[in-house]
Amino acid sequence: MAMRRNLRRASYTPDTNIESYRPEDDGRYITTADRIHYIALRLIHPSRHQARRVTQPEADALLADDIDAHGLTHVPLLRPHPELPGEYEIVAGHRRVAALRRLANERRGTDVLRGTDCEPEGRRIPAVVREMDDLVAHATTVAENIIRESLRPWEQAVALHELRCALERQDKRASVRGVAAYLEVSHQ
């Protein structure tokens, strides 16, 4: 119990939604066609659609400690990188990948990381890799970040505005209702 209080003080709380968690409500829903792949950290790049603009080093360190102590509850979702063949772009799980990088650099996380590569970026992390176009990847990244706590309101606004512009570029409904329908969220 003392651990939970320390985590709250540093503005990080581990997922407490495990009892009410509905995978279909977040961007990382794993279908029966998805399977876990182990991908080297050096091949994983952040998404250009990442909504989180401000990092919280203390909270990120606590997330790494939590993963080291309890394992990885939700694996990151990646897609093949649209411009770098053989490499991957993060769709959901940016903070988890950053925490796993930290663990690799600190030579921890042996229950989660694979490989004995001397170079931390050569360590492999579990991830789901899914083919998706840029618009679907963008929407999934935005939806996953909105579901998560601690995304600042202005970060949400910027992310939704950028998604709306992406929808407009593809001649799709880009009204508030259109964006909400695309994300499958209530617009009220």
N, C-alpha and C. Protein backbone atom coordinates (compact mmCIF):
# COMPACT_ATOMS: atom_id res chain seq x y z
N MET A 1 0.82 -1.19 0.00
CA MET A 1 0.00 0.00 0.00
C MET A 1 0.86 1.26 0.00
N ALA A 2 1.99 1.23 0.69
CA ALA A 2 2.87 2.40 0.71
C ALA A 2 3.38 2.70 -0.68
N MET A 3 3.61 1.67 -1.48
CA MET A 3 4.08 1.87 -2.85
C MET A 3 3.07 2.68 -3.66
N ARG A 4 1.79 2.37 -3.51
CA ARG A 4 0.76 3.09 -4.25
C ARG A 4 0.77 4.57 -3.88
N ARG A 5 0.92 4.90 -2.60
CA ARG A 5 0.96 6.30 -2.20
C ARG A 5 2.15 7.01 -2.83
N ASN A 6 3.30 6.37 -2.87
CA ASN A 6 4.48 6.99 -3.48
C ASN A 6 4.24 7.23 -4.96
N LEU A 7 3.58 6.29 -5.63
CA LEU A 7 3.31 6.46 -7.05
C LEU A 7 2.38 7.64 -7.29
N ARG A 8 1.37 7.78 -6.45
CA ARG A 8 0.44 8.89 -6.63
C ARG A 8 1.14 10.24 -6.42
N ARG A 9 2.02 10.31 -5.46
CA ARG A 9 2.72 11.56 -5.20
C ARG A 9 3.49 12.02 -6.43
N ALA A 10 4.00 11.09 -7.20
CA ALA A 10 4.80 11.45 -8.36
C ALA A 10 3.95 11.56 -9.62
N SER A 11 2.65 11.59 -9.48
CA SER A 11 1.68 11.77 -10.56
C SER A 11 1.62 10.59 -11.53
N TYR A 12 2.02 9.42 -11.09
CA TYR A 12 1.86 8.23 -11.90
C TYR A 12 1.05 7.23 -11.11
N THR A 13 0.03 6.69 -11.74
CA THR A 13 -0.72 5.60 -11.12
C THR A 13 -0.78 4.47 -12.13
N PRO A 14 -0.48 3.25 -11.68
CA PRO A 14 -0.59 2.13 -12.61
C PRO A 14 -2.06 1.94 -12.98
N ASP A 15 -2.28 1.26 -14.09
CA ASP A 15 -3.66 1.02 -14.52
C ASP A 15 -4.43 0.36 -13.39
N THR A 16 -5.52 1.00 -12.99
CA THR A 16 -6.39 0.41 -11.97
C THR A 16 -7.69 -0.03 -12.60
N ASN A 17 -7.73 -0.03 -13.92
CA ASN A 17 -8.96 -0.38 -14.61
C ASN A 17 -9.03 -1.85 -14.99
N ILE A 18 -8.23 -2.68 -14.37
CA ILE A 18 -8.14 -4.07 -14.79
C ILE A 18 -9.47 -4.79 -14.62
N GLU A 19 -10.25 -4.44 -13.60
CA GLU A 19 -11.53 -5.12 -13.40
C GLU A 19 -12.58 -4.66 -14.40
N SER A 20 -12.52 -3.41 -14.83
CA SER A 20 -13.51 -2.91 -15.77
C SER A 20 -12.95 -2.72 -17.17
N TYR A 21 -11.73 -3.18 -17.38
CA TYR A 21 -11.06 -2.99 -18.67
C TYR A 21 -11.82 -3.68 -19.79
N ARG A 22 -12.06 -2.94 -20.86
CA ARG A 22 -12.71 -3.48 -22.05
C ARG A 22 -11.77 -3.24 -23.22
N PRO A 23 -11.07 -4.27 -23.71
CA PRO A 23 -10.07 -4.06 -24.75
C PRO A 23 -10.62 -3.41 -26.00
N GLU A 24 -11.91 -3.63 -26.29
CA GLU A 24 -12.47 -3.03 -27.50
C GLU A 24 -12.58 -1.51 -27.39
N ASP A 25 -12.40 -0.97 -26.17
CA ASP A 25 -12.49 0.48 -25.99
C ASP A 25 -11.16 1.19 -26.14
N ASP A 26 -10.08 0.47 -26.32
CA ASP A 26 -8.83 1.18 -26.50
C ASP A 26 -8.17 0.79 -27.82
N GLY A 27 -7.14 1.54 -28.17
CA GLY A 27 -6.52 1.38 -29.47
C GLY A 27 -5.63 0.17 -29.60
N ARG A 28 -5.52 -0.62 -28.57
CA ARG A 28 -4.61 -1.75 -28.60
C ARG A 28 -5.34 -3.08 -28.63
N TYR A 29 -6.57 -3.10 -29.06
CA TYR A 29 -7.36 -4.32 -29.05
C TYR A 29 -6.66 -5.39 -29.89
N ILE A 30 -6.39 -6.52 -29.28
CA ILE A 30 -5.67 -7.59 -29.96
C ILE A 30 -6.67 -8.61 -30.47
N THR A 31 -6.72 -8.79 -31.77
CA THR A 31 -7.60 -9.78 -32.35
C THR A 31 -6.89 -11.12 -32.38
N THR A 32 -7.62 -12.15 -32.76
CA THR A 32 -7.00 -13.48 -32.81
C THR A 32 -5.91 -13.52 -33.88
N ALA A 33 -5.96 -12.61 -34.86
CA ALA A 33 -4.93 -12.59 -35.91
C ALA A 33 -3.63 -11.96 -35.41
N ASP A 34 -3.72 -11.16 -34.34
CA ASP A 34 -2.53 -10.51 -33.79
C ASP A 34 -1.75 -11.51 -32.95
N ARG A 35 -0.45 -11.36 -32.98
CA ARG A 35 0.37 -12.17 -32.09
C ARG A 35 1.54 -11.32 -31.63
N ILE A 36 2.15 -11.73 -30.55
CA ILE A 36 3.26 -10.98 -29.98
C ILE A 36 4.52 -11.23 -30.80
N HIS A 37 5.18 -10.15 -31.15
CA HIS A 37 6.49 -10.19 -31.83
C HIS A 37 7.50 -9.59 -30.87
N TYR A 38 8.75 -9.98 -31.00
CA TYR A 38 9.81 -9.37 -30.21
C TYR A 38 10.67 -8.55 -31.17
N ILE A 39 10.64 -7.24 -30.97
CA ILE A 39 11.26 -6.28 -31.88
C ILE A 39 12.41 -5.56 -31.16
N ALA A 40 13.55 -5.44 -31.83
CA ALA A 40 14.69 -4.72 -31.26
C ALA A 40 14.34 -3.24 -31.09
N LEU A 41 14.72 -2.69 -29.96
CA LEU A 41 14.42 -1.28 -29.67
C LEU A 41 14.94 -0.34 -30.75
N ARG A 42 16.09 -0.66 -31.35
CA ARG A 42 16.67 0.23 -32.36
C ARG A 42 15.79 0.35 -33.61
N LEU A 43 14.85 -0.58 -33.78
CA LEU A 43 13.98 -0.58 -34.97
C LEU A 43 12.66 0.13 -34.71
N ILE A 44 12.46 0.67 -33.52
CA ILE A 44 11.17 1.26 -33.13
C ILE A 44 11.30 2.78 -33.04
N HIS A 45 10.41 3.47 -33.76
CA HIS A 45 10.42 4.93 -33.82
C HIS A 45 9.10 5.48 -33.28
N PRO A 46 9.14 6.67 -32.67
CA PRO A 46 7.89 7.28 -32.18
C PRO A 46 6.99 7.68 -33.34
N SER A 47 5.72 7.77 -33.05
CA SER A 47 4.75 8.20 -34.06
C SER A 47 4.81 9.71 -34.23
N ARG A 48 4.64 10.16 -35.44
CA ARG A 48 4.56 11.61 -35.67
C ARG A 48 3.20 12.14 -35.21
N HIS A 49 2.29 11.23 -34.85
CA HIS A 49 0.95 11.61 -34.39
C HIS A 49 0.82 11.57 -32.87
N GLN A 50 1.91 11.37 -32.17
CA GLN A 50 1.86 11.26 -30.71
C GLN A 50 1.28 12.54 -30.12
N ALA A 51 0.22 12.40 -29.32
CA ALA A 51 -0.46 13.55 -28.73
C ALA A 51 0.26 14.11 -27.51
N ARG A 52 0.96 13.26 -26.79
CA ARG A 52 1.62 13.69 -25.57
C ARG A 52 2.85 14.53 -25.94
N ARG A 53 2.82 15.79 -25.55
CA ARG A 53 3.90 16.71 -25.89
C ARG A 53 4.86 16.94 -24.73
N VAL A 54 4.37 16.72 -23.51
CA VAL A 54 5.17 16.97 -22.31
C VAL A 54 5.46 15.63 -21.64
N THR A 55 6.71 15.40 -21.32
CA THR A 55 7.06 14.17 -20.61
C THR A 55 7.20 14.46 -19.13
N GLN A 56 7.00 13.43 -18.34
CA GLN A 56 7.13 13.55 -16.89
C GLN A 56 8.18 12.54 -16.45
N PRO A 57 9.44 12.95 -16.38
CA PRO A 57 10.52 12.01 -16.08
C PRO A 57 10.31 11.19 -14.81
N GLU A 58 9.78 11.80 -13.75
CA GLU A 58 9.54 11.05 -12.51
C GLU A 58 8.50 9.96 -12.73
N ALA A 59 7.42 10.31 -13.40
CA ALA A 59 6.36 9.32 -13.67
C ALA A 59 6.87 8.24 -14.61
N ASP A 60 7.68 8.63 -15.58
CA ASP A 60 8.24 7.63 -16.51
C ASP A 60 9.18 6.67 -15.79
N ALA A 61 9.96 7.19 -14.83
CA ALA A 61 10.84 6.32 -14.05
C ALA A 61 10.02 5.35 -13.21
N LEU A 62 8.93 5.83 -12.64
CA LEU A 62 8.07 4.95 -11.85
C LEU A 62 7.39 3.91 -12.72
N LEU A 63 7.02 4.28 -13.95
CA LEU A 63 6.45 3.30 -14.88
C LEU A 63 7.48 2.21 -15.18
N ALA A 64 8.73 2.60 -15.40
CA ALA A 64 9.79 1.61 -15.64
C ALA A 64 9.95 0.70 -14.44
N ASP A 65 9.93 1.27 -13.24
CA ASP A 65 10.03 0.45 -12.03
C ASP A 65 8.86 -0.52 -11.91
N ASP A 66 7.66 -0.04 -12.26
CA ASP A 66 6.46 -0.89 -12.19
C ASP A 66 6.57 -2.05 -13.19
N ILE A 67 7.02 -1.76 -14.40
CA ILE A 67 7.19 -2.81 -15.42
C ILE A 67 8.26 -3.79 -14.96
N ASP A 68 9.34 -3.29 -14.38
CA ASP A 68 10.40 -4.17 -13.90
C ASP A 68 9.89 -5.09 -12.79
N ALA A 69 9.06 -4.55 -11.91
CA ALA A 69 8.57 -5.32 -10.77
C ALA A 69 7.42 -6.26 -11.13
N HIS A 70 6.52 -5.82 -12.01
CA HIS A 70 5.28 -6.57 -12.25
C HIS A 70 5.10 -7.05 -13.68
N GLY A 71 5.99 -6.71 -14.57
CA GLY A 71 5.86 -7.11 -15.96
C GLY A 71 5.07 -6.08 -16.77
N LEU A 72 4.86 -6.40 -18.01
CA LEU A 72 4.19 -5.50 -18.95
C LEU A 72 2.75 -5.97 -19.12
N THR A 73 1.80 -5.20 -18.60
CA THR A 73 0.39 -5.57 -18.66
C THR A 73 -0.17 -5.46 -20.07
N HIS A 74 0.17 -4.37 -20.76
CA HIS A 74 -0.31 -4.12 -22.12
C HIS A 74 0.90 -3.93 -23.02
N VAL A 75 1.01 -4.75 -24.05
CA VAL A 75 2.14 -4.60 -24.96
C VAL A 75 1.89 -3.44 -25.90
N PRO A 76 2.94 -2.76 -26.35
CA PRO A 76 2.78 -1.68 -27.32
C PRO A 76 2.24 -2.20 -28.66
N LEU A 77 1.56 -1.32 -29.37
CA LEU A 77 1.06 -1.61 -30.71
C LEU A 77 1.94 -0.86 -31.70
N LEU A 78 2.52 -1.58 -32.66
CA LEU A 78 3.39 -0.99 -33.68
C LEU A 78 2.79 -1.24 -35.05
N ARG A 79 3.27 -0.48 -36.01
CA ARG A 79 2.96 -0.76 -37.41
C ARG A 79 4.26 -0.69 -38.19
N PRO A 80 4.33 -1.37 -39.33
CA PRO A 80 5.54 -1.22 -40.15
C PRO A 80 5.73 0.26 -40.47
N HIS A 81 6.95 0.75 -40.34
CA HIS A 81 7.21 2.17 -40.58
C HIS A 81 6.92 2.49 -42.03
N PRO A 82 6.15 3.56 -42.30
CA PRO A 82 5.78 3.87 -43.68
C PRO A 82 6.95 4.32 -44.57
N GLU A 83 8.06 4.73 -43.97
CA GLU A 83 9.18 5.24 -44.77
C GLU A 83 10.49 4.47 -44.57
N LEU A 84 10.56 3.63 -43.56
CA LEU A 84 11.79 2.91 -43.24
C LEU A 84 11.52 1.41 -43.28
N PRO A 85 11.79 0.77 -44.41
CA PRO A 85 11.52 -0.67 -44.52
C PRO A 85 12.24 -1.48 -43.44
N GLY A 86 11.53 -2.43 -42.86
CA GLY A 86 12.10 -3.28 -41.83
C GLY A 86 12.09 -2.66 -40.44
N GLU A 87 11.56 -1.45 -40.33
CA GLU A 87 11.50 -0.78 -39.03
C GLU A 87 10.04 -0.52 -38.69
N TYR A 88 9.78 -0.01 -37.48
CA TYR A 88 8.42 0.09 -36.97
C TYR A 88 8.16 1.45 -36.36
N GLU A 89 6.87 1.84 -36.37
CA GLU A 89 6.43 3.08 -35.77
C GLU A 89 5.45 2.74 -34.65
N ILE A 90 5.58 3.43 -33.53
CA ILE A 90 4.69 3.19 -32.40
C ILE A 90 3.32 3.78 -32.72
N VAL A 91 2.28 3.00 -32.52
CA VAL A 91 0.91 3.49 -32.66
C VAL A 91 0.34 3.74 -31.26
N ALA A 92 0.54 2.81 -30.35
CA ALA A 92 0.07 2.95 -28.97
C ALA A 92 1.13 2.37 -28.04
N GLY A 93 1.46 3.11 -26.99
CA GLY A 93 2.41 2.62 -26.02
C GLY A 93 3.74 3.36 -26.01
N HIS A 94 3.72 4.64 -26.36
CA HIS A 94 4.96 5.43 -26.38
C HIS A 94 5.67 5.44 -25.04
N ARG A 95 4.92 5.66 -23.96
CA ARG A 95 5.54 5.70 -22.63
C ARG A 95 6.06 4.33 -22.23
N ARG A 96 5.36 3.28 -22.60
CA ARG A 96 5.83 1.93 -22.27
C ARG A 96 7.12 1.61 -23.01
N VAL A 97 7.21 2.01 -24.28
CA VAL A 97 8.45 1.79 -25.03
C VAL A 97 9.59 2.60 -24.39
N ALA A 98 9.31 3.83 -24.00
CA ALA A 98 10.34 4.66 -23.34
C ALA A 98 10.78 4.01 -22.03
N ALA A 99 9.83 3.46 -21.28
CA ALA A 99 10.18 2.79 -20.02
C ALA A 99 11.02 1.55 -20.28
N LEU A 100 10.69 0.81 -21.34
CA LEU A 100 11.47 -0.38 -21.68
C LEU A 100 12.87 0.01 -22.15
N ARG A 101 12.99 1.12 -22.84
CA ARG A 101 14.33 1.63 -23.23
C ARG A 101 15.15 1.95 -21.98
N ARG A 102 14.50 2.59 -21.03
CA ARG A 102 15.18 2.92 -19.77
C ARG A 102 15.65 1.64 -19.08
N LEU A 103 14.78 0.64 -19.02
CA LEU A 103 15.16 -0.63 -18.39
C LEU A 103 16.33 -1.28 -19.13
N ALA A 104 16.31 -1.23 -20.44
CA ALA A 104 17.41 -1.81 -21.23
C ALA A 104 18.71 -1.08 -20.94
N ASN A 105 18.66 0.24 -20.88
CA ASN A 105 19.86 1.04 -20.60
C ASN A 105 20.40 0.78 -19.19
N GLU A 106 19.48 0.49 -18.25
CA GLU A 106 19.89 0.23 -16.87
C GLU A 106 20.14 -1.25 -16.62
N ARG A 107 20.05 -2.05 -17.68
CA ARG A 107 20.25 -3.50 -17.59
C ARG A 107 19.28 -4.16 -16.60
N ARG A 108 18.03 -3.69 -16.65
CA ARG A 108 16.97 -4.27 -15.83
C ARG A 108 15.89 -4.79 -16.77
N GLY A 109 14.78 -5.23 -16.23
CA GLY A 109 13.66 -5.68 -17.05
C GLY A 109 13.87 -7.03 -17.69
N THR A 110 14.62 -7.89 -17.02
CA THR A 110 14.96 -9.19 -17.62
C THR A 110 13.75 -10.08 -17.83
N ASP A 111 12.65 -9.83 -17.10
CA ASP A 111 11.45 -10.64 -17.29
C ASP A 111 10.66 -10.20 -18.52
N VAL A 112 10.92 -9.00 -19.02
CA VAL A 112 10.17 -8.47 -20.16
C VAL A 112 11.03 -8.42 -21.42
N LEU A 113 12.26 -7.94 -21.28
CA LEU A 113 13.15 -7.78 -22.43
C LEU A 113 13.75 -9.12 -22.85
N ARG A 114 13.95 -9.28 -24.13
CA ARG A 114 14.56 -10.51 -24.65
C ARG A 114 15.92 -10.19 -25.26
N GLY A 115 16.74 -11.20 -25.35
CA GLY A 115 18.04 -11.06 -25.99
C GLY A 115 19.13 -10.71 -25.00
N THR A 116 20.33 -11.03 -25.37
CA THR A 116 21.47 -10.75 -24.50
C THR A 116 22.41 -9.75 -25.15
N ASP A 117 21.90 -9.03 -26.14
CA ASP A 117 22.70 -8.05 -26.86
C ASP A 117 23.37 -7.10 -25.88
N CYS A 118 24.66 -6.86 -26.06
CA CYS A 118 25.39 -5.93 -25.18
C CYS A 118 24.89 -4.50 -25.34
N GLU A 119 24.44 -4.16 -26.53
CA GLU A 119 23.92 -2.84 -26.82
C GLU A 119 22.45 -2.77 -26.36
N PRO A 120 22.08 -1.82 -25.48
CA PRO A 120 20.69 -1.76 -25.00
C PRO A 120 19.66 -1.67 -26.12
N GLU A 121 19.97 -0.95 -27.19
CA GLU A 121 19.01 -0.80 -28.30
C GLU A 121 18.82 -2.10 -29.07
N GLY A 122 19.66 -3.09 -28.82
CA GLY A 122 19.52 -4.40 -29.46
C GLY A 122 18.57 -5.32 -28.71
N ARG A 123 18.22 -4.96 -27.46
CA ARG A 123 17.28 -5.76 -26.69
C ARG A 123 15.93 -5.72 -27.37
N ARG A 124 15.18 -6.78 -27.28
CA ARG A 124 13.89 -6.89 -27.96
C ARG A 124 12.74 -6.79 -26.96
N ILE A 125 11.69 -6.10 -27.38
CA ILE A 125 10.51 -5.93 -26.53
C ILE A 125 9.32 -6.63 -27.16
N PRO A 126 8.36 -7.07 -26.34
CA PRO A 126 7.15 -7.66 -26.89
C PRO A 126 6.26 -6.56 -27.45
N ALA A 127 5.67 -6.82 -28.60
CA ALA A 127 4.77 -5.85 -29.23
C ALA A 127 3.85 -6.57 -30.19
N VAL A 128 2.73 -5.95 -30.46
CA VAL A 128 1.83 -6.41 -31.53
C VAL A 128 2.14 -5.54 -32.73
N VAL A 129 2.32 -6.15 -33.88
CA VAL A 129 2.56 -5.41 -35.12
C VAL A 129 1.34 -5.58 -35.98
N ARG A 130 0.78 -4.47 -36.42
CA ARG A 130 -0.44 -4.51 -37.23
C ARG A 130 -0.28 -3.58 -38.43
N GLU A 131 -0.64 -4.06 -39.60
CA GLU A 131 -0.66 -3.23 -40.79
C GLU A 131 -1.80 -2.23 -40.65
N MET A 132 -1.52 -0.96 -40.91
CA MET A 132 -2.57 0.06 -40.92
C MET A 132 -2.08 1.28 -41.68
N ASP A 133 -3.03 1.94 -42.32
CA ASP A 133 -2.64 3.14 -43.07
C ASP A 133 -2.44 4.30 -42.10
N ASP A 134 -1.97 5.42 -42.63
CA ASP A 134 -1.62 6.56 -41.81
C ASP A 134 -2.81 7.11 -41.03
N LEU A 135 -3.98 7.19 -41.66
CA LEU A 135 -5.15 7.75 -40.99
C LEU A 135 -5.60 6.85 -39.84
N VAL A 136 -5.62 5.55 -40.04
CA VAL A 136 -6.01 4.63 -38.97
C VAL A 136 -4.99 4.69 -37.83
N ALA A 137 -3.70 4.73 -38.17
CA ALA A 137 -2.66 4.84 -37.14
C ALA A 137 -2.82 6.14 -36.36
N HIS A 138 -3.10 7.23 -37.06
CA HIS A 138 -3.29 8.53 -36.41
C HIS A 138 -4.47 8.46 -35.44
N ALA A 139 -5.61 7.98 -35.92
CA ALA A 139 -6.80 7.89 -35.07
C ALA A 139 -6.58 6.97 -33.88
N THR A 140 -5.90 5.87 -34.08
CA THR A 140 -5.64 4.93 -32.99
C THR A 140 -4.74 5.57 -31.94
N THR A 141 -3.72 6.29 -32.37
CA THR A 141 -2.83 6.98 -31.43
C THR A 141 -3.60 8.01 -30.62
N VAL A 142 -4.44 8.80 -31.29
CA VAL A 142 -5.22 9.82 -30.59
C VAL A 142 -6.19 9.16 -29.61
N ALA A 143 -6.91 8.14 -30.06
CA ALA A 143 -7.88 7.47 -29.19
C ALA A 143 -7.20 6.87 -27.97
N GLU A 144 -6.08 6.22 -28.16
CA GLU A 144 -5.38 5.59 -27.05
C GLU A 144 -4.90 6.61 -26.04
N ASN A 145 -4.45 7.76 -26.51
CA ASN A 145 -3.99 8.80 -25.60
C ASN A 145 -5.12 9.48 -24.86
N ILE A 146 -6.27 9.62 -25.50
CA ILE A 146 -7.41 10.25 -24.83
C ILE A 146 -7.95 9.34 -23.74
N ILE A 147 -7.90 8.04 -23.96
CA ILE A 147 -8.37 7.08 -22.95
C ILE A 147 -7.48 7.13 -21.72
N ARG A 148 -6.19 7.30 -21.93
CA ARG A 148 -5.23 7.30 -20.82
C ARG A 148 -5.38 8.57 -19.99
N GLU A 149 -5.07 8.44 -18.72
CA GLU A 149 -5.08 9.61 -17.85
C GLU A 149 -3.83 10.46 -18.09
N SER A 150 -3.86 11.65 -17.59
CA SER A 150 -2.75 12.60 -17.56
C SER A 150 -2.39 13.23 -18.89
N LEU A 151 -3.20 13.04 -19.91
CA LEU A 151 -2.99 13.79 -21.14
C LEU A 151 -3.62 15.16 -20.90
N ARG A 152 -2.85 16.18 -21.04
CA ARG A 152 -3.33 17.53 -20.74
C ARG A 152 -4.43 17.94 -21.73
N PRO A 153 -5.38 18.78 -21.27
CA PRO A 153 -6.47 19.19 -22.16
C PRO A 153 -5.97 19.83 -23.46
N TRP A 154 -4.93 20.65 -23.39
CA TRP A 154 -4.43 21.28 -24.61
C TRP A 154 -3.81 20.24 -25.53
N GLU A 155 -3.21 19.18 -24.96
CA GLU A 155 -2.66 18.11 -25.80
C GLU A 155 -3.79 17.36 -26.50
N GLN A 156 -4.91 17.15 -25.78
CA GLN A 156 -6.08 16.52 -26.40
C GLN A 156 -6.60 17.39 -27.54
N ALA A 157 -6.69 18.70 -27.29
CA ALA A 157 -7.22 19.61 -28.30
C ALA A 157 -6.34 19.60 -29.56
N VAL A 158 -5.03 19.66 -29.38
CA VAL A 158 -4.11 19.64 -30.52
C VAL A 158 -4.25 18.33 -31.28
N ALA A 159 -4.31 17.21 -30.55
CA ALA A 159 -4.42 15.90 -31.19
C ALA A 159 -5.71 15.78 -31.98
N LEU A 160 -6.82 16.24 -31.42
CA LEU A 160 -8.10 16.17 -32.13
C LEU A 160 -8.12 17.10 -33.34
N HIS A 161 -7.52 18.28 -33.20
CA HIS A 161 -7.43 19.20 -34.34
C HIS A 161 -6.61 18.58 -35.47
N GLU A 162 -5.47 17.98 -35.14
CA GLU A 162 -4.63 17.35 -36.16
C GLU A 162 -5.35 16.19 -36.83
N LEU A 163 -6.11 15.41 -36.05
CA LEU A 163 -6.88 14.31 -36.64
C LEU A 163 -7.97 14.87 -37.55
N ARG A 164 -8.61 15.94 -37.12
CA ARG A 164 -9.65 16.56 -37.96
C ARG A 164 -9.06 17.01 -39.30
N CYS A 165 -7.88 17.62 -39.27
CA CYS A 165 -7.22 18.05 -40.50
C CYS A 165 -6.86 16.85 -41.38
N ALA A 166 -6.41 15.77 -40.77
CA ALA A 166 -6.08 14.56 -41.53
C ALA A 166 -7.33 13.98 -42.19
N LEU A 167 -8.45 14.01 -41.49
CA LEU A 167 -9.71 13.53 -42.08
C LEU A 167 -10.13 14.43 -43.25
N GLU A 168 -9.98 15.73 -43.08
CA GLU A 168 -10.33 16.66 -44.16
C GLU A 168 -9.47 16.42 -45.40
N ARG A 169 -8.18 16.15 -45.21
CA ARG A 169 -7.29 15.90 -46.34
C ARG A 169 -7.71 14.67 -47.14
N GLN A 170 -8.42 13.75 -46.48
CA GLN A 170 -8.88 12.54 -47.17
C GLN A 170 -10.36 12.62 -47.51
N ASP A 171 -10.90 13.84 -47.49
CA ASP A 171 -12.31 14.09 -47.83
C ASP A 171 -13.27 13.25 -47.01
N LYS A 172 -12.97 13.07 -45.74
CA LYS A 172 -13.86 12.36 -44.82
C LYS A 172 -14.55 13.38 -43.93
N ARG A 173 -15.66 12.97 -43.29
CA ARG A 173 -16.37 13.86 -42.38
C ARG A 173 -15.43 14.36 -41.31
N ALA A 174 -15.29 15.67 -41.20
CA ALA A 174 -14.35 16.23 -40.24
C ALA A 174 -15.03 17.17 -39.25
N SER A 175 -16.35 17.08 -39.13
CA SER A 175 -17.04 17.86 -38.11
C SER A 175 -16.72 17.23 -36.75
N VAL A 176 -17.18 17.86 -35.69
CA VAL A 176 -17.00 17.29 -34.36
C VAL A 176 -17.63 15.90 -34.31
N ARG A 177 -18.83 15.79 -34.88
CA ARG A 177 -19.50 14.48 -34.90
C ARG A 177 -18.74 13.49 -35.78
N GLY A 178 -18.17 13.98 -36.86
CA GLY A 178 -17.41 13.10 -37.74
C GLY A 178 -16.17 12.55 -37.07
N VAL A 179 -15.45 13.42 -36.35
CA VAL A 179 -14.26 12.98 -35.63
C VAL A 179 -14.67 12.00 -34.53
N ALA A 180 -15.73 12.33 -33.80
CA ALA A 180 -16.20 11.44 -32.73
C ALA A 180 -16.62 10.09 -33.30
N ALA A 181 -17.30 10.11 -34.44
CA ALA A 181 -17.71 8.85 -35.06
C ALA A 181 -16.50 8.04 -35.51
N TYR A 182 -15.50 8.74 -36.05
CA TYR A 182 -14.30 8.04 -36.50
C TYR A 182 -13.57 7.40 -35.32
N LEU A 183 -13.56 8.10 -34.19
CA LEU A 183 -12.91 7.56 -32.99
C LEU A 183 -13.84 6.64 -32.20
N GLU A 184 -15.10 6.60 -32.61
CA GLU A 184 -16.12 5.79 -31.93
C GLU A 184 -16.26 6.20 -30.48
N VAL A 185 -16.34 7.55 -30.27
CA VAL A 185 -16.58 8.09 -28.92
C VAL A 185 -17.81 8.98 -28.97
N SER A 186 -18.36 9.24 -27.82
CA SER A 186 -19.52 10.12 -27.73
C SER A 186 -19.07 11.56 -27.98
N HIS A 187 -19.86 12.32 -28.69
CA HIS A 187 -19.51 13.71 -28.99
C HIS A 187 -20.20 14.69 -28.09
N GLN A 188 -20.84 14.21 -27.04
CA GLN A 188 -21.56 15.12 -26.13
C GLN A 188 -20.66 15.73 -25.11
